[in-house]
């Protein structure tokens, strides 16, 4: 199943996001699944006022708990300061 088939516009998901300026900093961020404004029929992640491709290059989780568990596995204890709301 392709990612575009798993998600619908309006879904709220959680992604592991690396700071583009400081690559050793990762955070869990909430993102919205939206229709891509430039690619008809494609979905995108809307995060920080930017559209990102919805593909397998992004760690996408359906719940904050699932994202926190993966974060802790890969980066150690999840720090509440680094998590979205």
C-alpha atoms as a PDB file:
ATOM      1  CA  UNK A   1       0.000   0.000   0.000  1.00  0.00           C
ATOM      2  CA  UNK A   2       1.357   3.424  -0.934  1.00  0.00           C
ATOM      3  CA  UNK A   3       1.495   6.180   1.664  1.00  0.00           C
ATOM      4  CA  UNK A   4      -1.020   8.242  -0.301  1.00  0.00           C
ATOM      5  CA  UNK A   5      -3.500   5.383   0.139  1.00  0.00           C
ATOM      6  CA  UNK A   6      -2.937   5.214   3.911  1.00  0.00           C
ATOM      7  CA  UNK A   7      -3.704   8.873   4.623  1.00  0.00           C
ATOM      8  CA  UNK A   8      -6.491  11.278   3.787  1.00  0.00           C
ATOM      9  CA  UNK A   9      -6.427  15.078   3.602  1.00  0.00           C
ATOM     10  CA  UNK A  10      -7.151  16.424   7.066  1.00  0.00           C
ATOM     11  CA  UNK A  11      -5.379  13.616   8.933  1.00  0.00           C
ATOM     12  CA  UNK A  12      -3.148  14.810  11.749  1.00  0.00           C
ATOM     13  CA  UNK A  13       0.085  12.844  12.036  1.00  0.00           C
ATOM     14  CA  UNK A  14       3.327  13.117  13.988  1.00  0.00           C
ATOM     15  CA  UNK A  15       6.704  13.185  12.301  1.00  0.00           C
ATOM     16  CA  UNK A  16      10.279  12.986  13.483  1.00  0.00           C
ATOM     17  CA  UNK A  17      11.733  16.238  12.237  1.00  0.00           C
ATOM     18  CA  UNK A  18      15.420  17.143  12.178  1.00  0.00           C
ATOM     19  CA  UNK A  19      16.378  20.775  12.473  1.00  0.00           C
ATOM     20  CA  UNK A  20      17.888  21.676   9.080  1.00  0.00           C
ATOM     21  CA  UNK A  21      20.415  23.972  10.776  1.00  0.00           C
ATOM     22  CA  UNK A  22      21.410  21.590  13.571  1.00  0.00           C
ATOM     23  CA  UNK A  23      21.289  18.018  12.277  1.00  0.00           C
ATOM     24  CA  UNK A  24      21.872  16.428  15.686  1.00  0.00           C
ATOM     25  CA  UNK A  25      18.576  17.840  16.981  1.00  0.00           C
ATOM     26  CA  UNK A  26      15.403  15.861  16.317  1.00  0.00           C
ATOM     27  CA  UNK A  27      11.892  16.607  17.491  1.00  0.00           C
ATOM     28  CA  UNK A  28       8.438  15.149  17.273  1.00  0.00           C
ATOM     29  CA  UNK A  29       6.175  17.588  15.432  1.00  0.00           C
ATOM     30  CA  UNK A  30       2.517  17.507  14.567  1.00  0.00           C
ATOM     31  CA  UNK A  31       1.781  17.828  10.842  1.00  0.00           C
ATOM     32  CA  UNK A  32      -1.334  17.867   8.693  1.00  0.00           C
ATOM     33  CA  UNK A  33      -1.884  15.699   5.634  1.00  0.00           C
ATOM     34  CA  UNK A  34      -3.076  17.968   2.821  1.00  0.00           C
ATOM     35  CA  UNK A  35      -3.516  17.900  -0.922  1.00  0.00           C
ATOM     36  CA  UNK A  36      -0.276  19.021  -2.531  1.00  0.00           C
ATOM     37  CA  UNK A  37      -0.863  22.505  -3.962  1.00  0.00           C
ATOM     38  CA  UNK A  38       1.412  21.941  -6.980  1.00  0.00           C
ATOM     39  CA  UNK A  39       1.023  18.202  -7.666  1.00  0.00           C
ATOM     40  CA  UNK A  40      -2.542  17.303  -8.564  1.00  0.00           C
ATOM     41  CA  UNK A  41      -3.690  14.081  -6.936  1.00  0.00           C
ATOM     42  CA  UNK A  42      -0.719  13.948  -4.555  1.00  0.00           C
ATOM     43  CA  UNK A  43      -0.727  14.381  -0.805  1.00  0.00           C
ATOM     44  CA  UNK A  44       1.800  16.349   1.221  1.00  0.00           C
ATOM     45  CA  UNK A  45       2.688  17.007   4.838  1.00  0.00           C
ATOM     46  CA  UNK A  46       2.134  20.592   5.947  1.00  0.00           C
ATOM     47  CA  UNK A  47       4.672  21.470   8.626  1.00  0.00           C
ATOM     48  CA  UNK A  48       6.128  24.860   9.582  1.00  0.00           C
ATOM     49  CA  UNK A  49       4.192  26.596   6.774  1.00  0.00           C
ATOM     50  CA  UNK A  50       5.927  24.344   4.232  1.00  0.00           C
ATOM     51  CA  UNK A  51       4.733  21.417   2.120  1.00  0.00           C
ATOM     52  CA  UNK A  52       6.827  18.250   2.348  1.00  0.00           C
ATOM     53  CA  UNK A  53       6.405  15.171   0.155  1.00  0.00           C
ATOM     54  CA  UNK A  54       4.427  12.388   1.765  1.00  0.00           C
ATOM     55  CA  UNK A  55       6.829   9.513   1.144  1.00  0.00           C
ATOM     56  CA  UNK A  56       8.805   6.816   2.917  1.00  0.00           C
ATOM     57  CA  UNK A  57      11.705   9.223   3.512  1.00  0.00           C
ATOM     58  CA  UNK A  58       9.779  10.743   6.444  1.00  0.00           C
ATOM     59  CA  UNK A  59       9.119   8.936   9.728  1.00  0.00           C
ATOM     60  CA  UNK A  60       5.335   9.333  10.033  1.00  0.00           C
ATOM     61  CA  UNK A  61       3.307   8.150  13.026  1.00  0.00           C
ATOM     62  CA  UNK A  62      -0.440   8.120  13.521  1.00  0.00           C
ATOM     63  CA  UNK A  63      -0.252   8.977  17.219  1.00  0.00           C
ATOM     64  CA  UNK A  64       1.970  11.051  19.474  1.00  0.00           C
ATOM     65  CA  UNK A  65       2.506   8.010  21.728  1.00  0.00           C
ATOM     66  CA  UNK A  66       3.770   5.940  18.801  1.00  0.00           C
ATOM     67  CA  UNK A  67       6.108   8.781  17.770  1.00  0.00           C
ATOM     68  CA  UNK A  68       7.420   9.165  21.332  1.00  0.00           C
ATOM     69  CA  UNK A  69       8.129   5.439  21.537  1.00  0.00           C
ATOM     70  CA  UNK A  70      10.144   5.547  18.301  1.00  0.00           C
ATOM     71  CA  UNK A  71      11.955   8.697  19.452  1.00  0.00           C
ATOM     72  CA  UNK A  72      12.950   7.038  22.715  1.00  0.00           C
ATOM     73  CA  UNK A  73      14.157   3.947  20.831  1.00  0.00           C
ATOM     74  CA  UNK A  74      16.392   5.953  18.494  1.00  0.00           C
ATOM     75  CA  UNK A  75      17.393   8.959  20.623  1.00  0.00           C
ATOM     76  CA  UNK A  76      16.892   7.978  24.283  1.00  0.00           C
ATOM     77  CA  UNK A  77      14.377   9.532  26.646  1.00  0.00           C
ATOM     78  CA  UNK A  78      11.892  11.848  24.995  1.00  0.00           C
ATOM     79  CA  UNK A  79      12.335  15.321  26.474  1.00  0.00           C
ATOM     80  CA  UNK A  80       9.018  17.114  26.882  1.00  0.00           C
ATOM     81  CA  UNK A  81      10.619  20.366  25.696  1.00  0.00           C
ATOM     82  CA  UNK A  82      11.210  18.777  22.292  1.00  0.00           C
ATOM     83  CA  UNK A  83       7.663  17.557  21.761  1.00  0.00           C
ATOM     84  CA  UNK A  84       4.808  19.353  20.065  1.00  0.00           C
ATOM     85  CA  UNK A  85       2.148  20.649  22.467  1.00  0.00           C
END
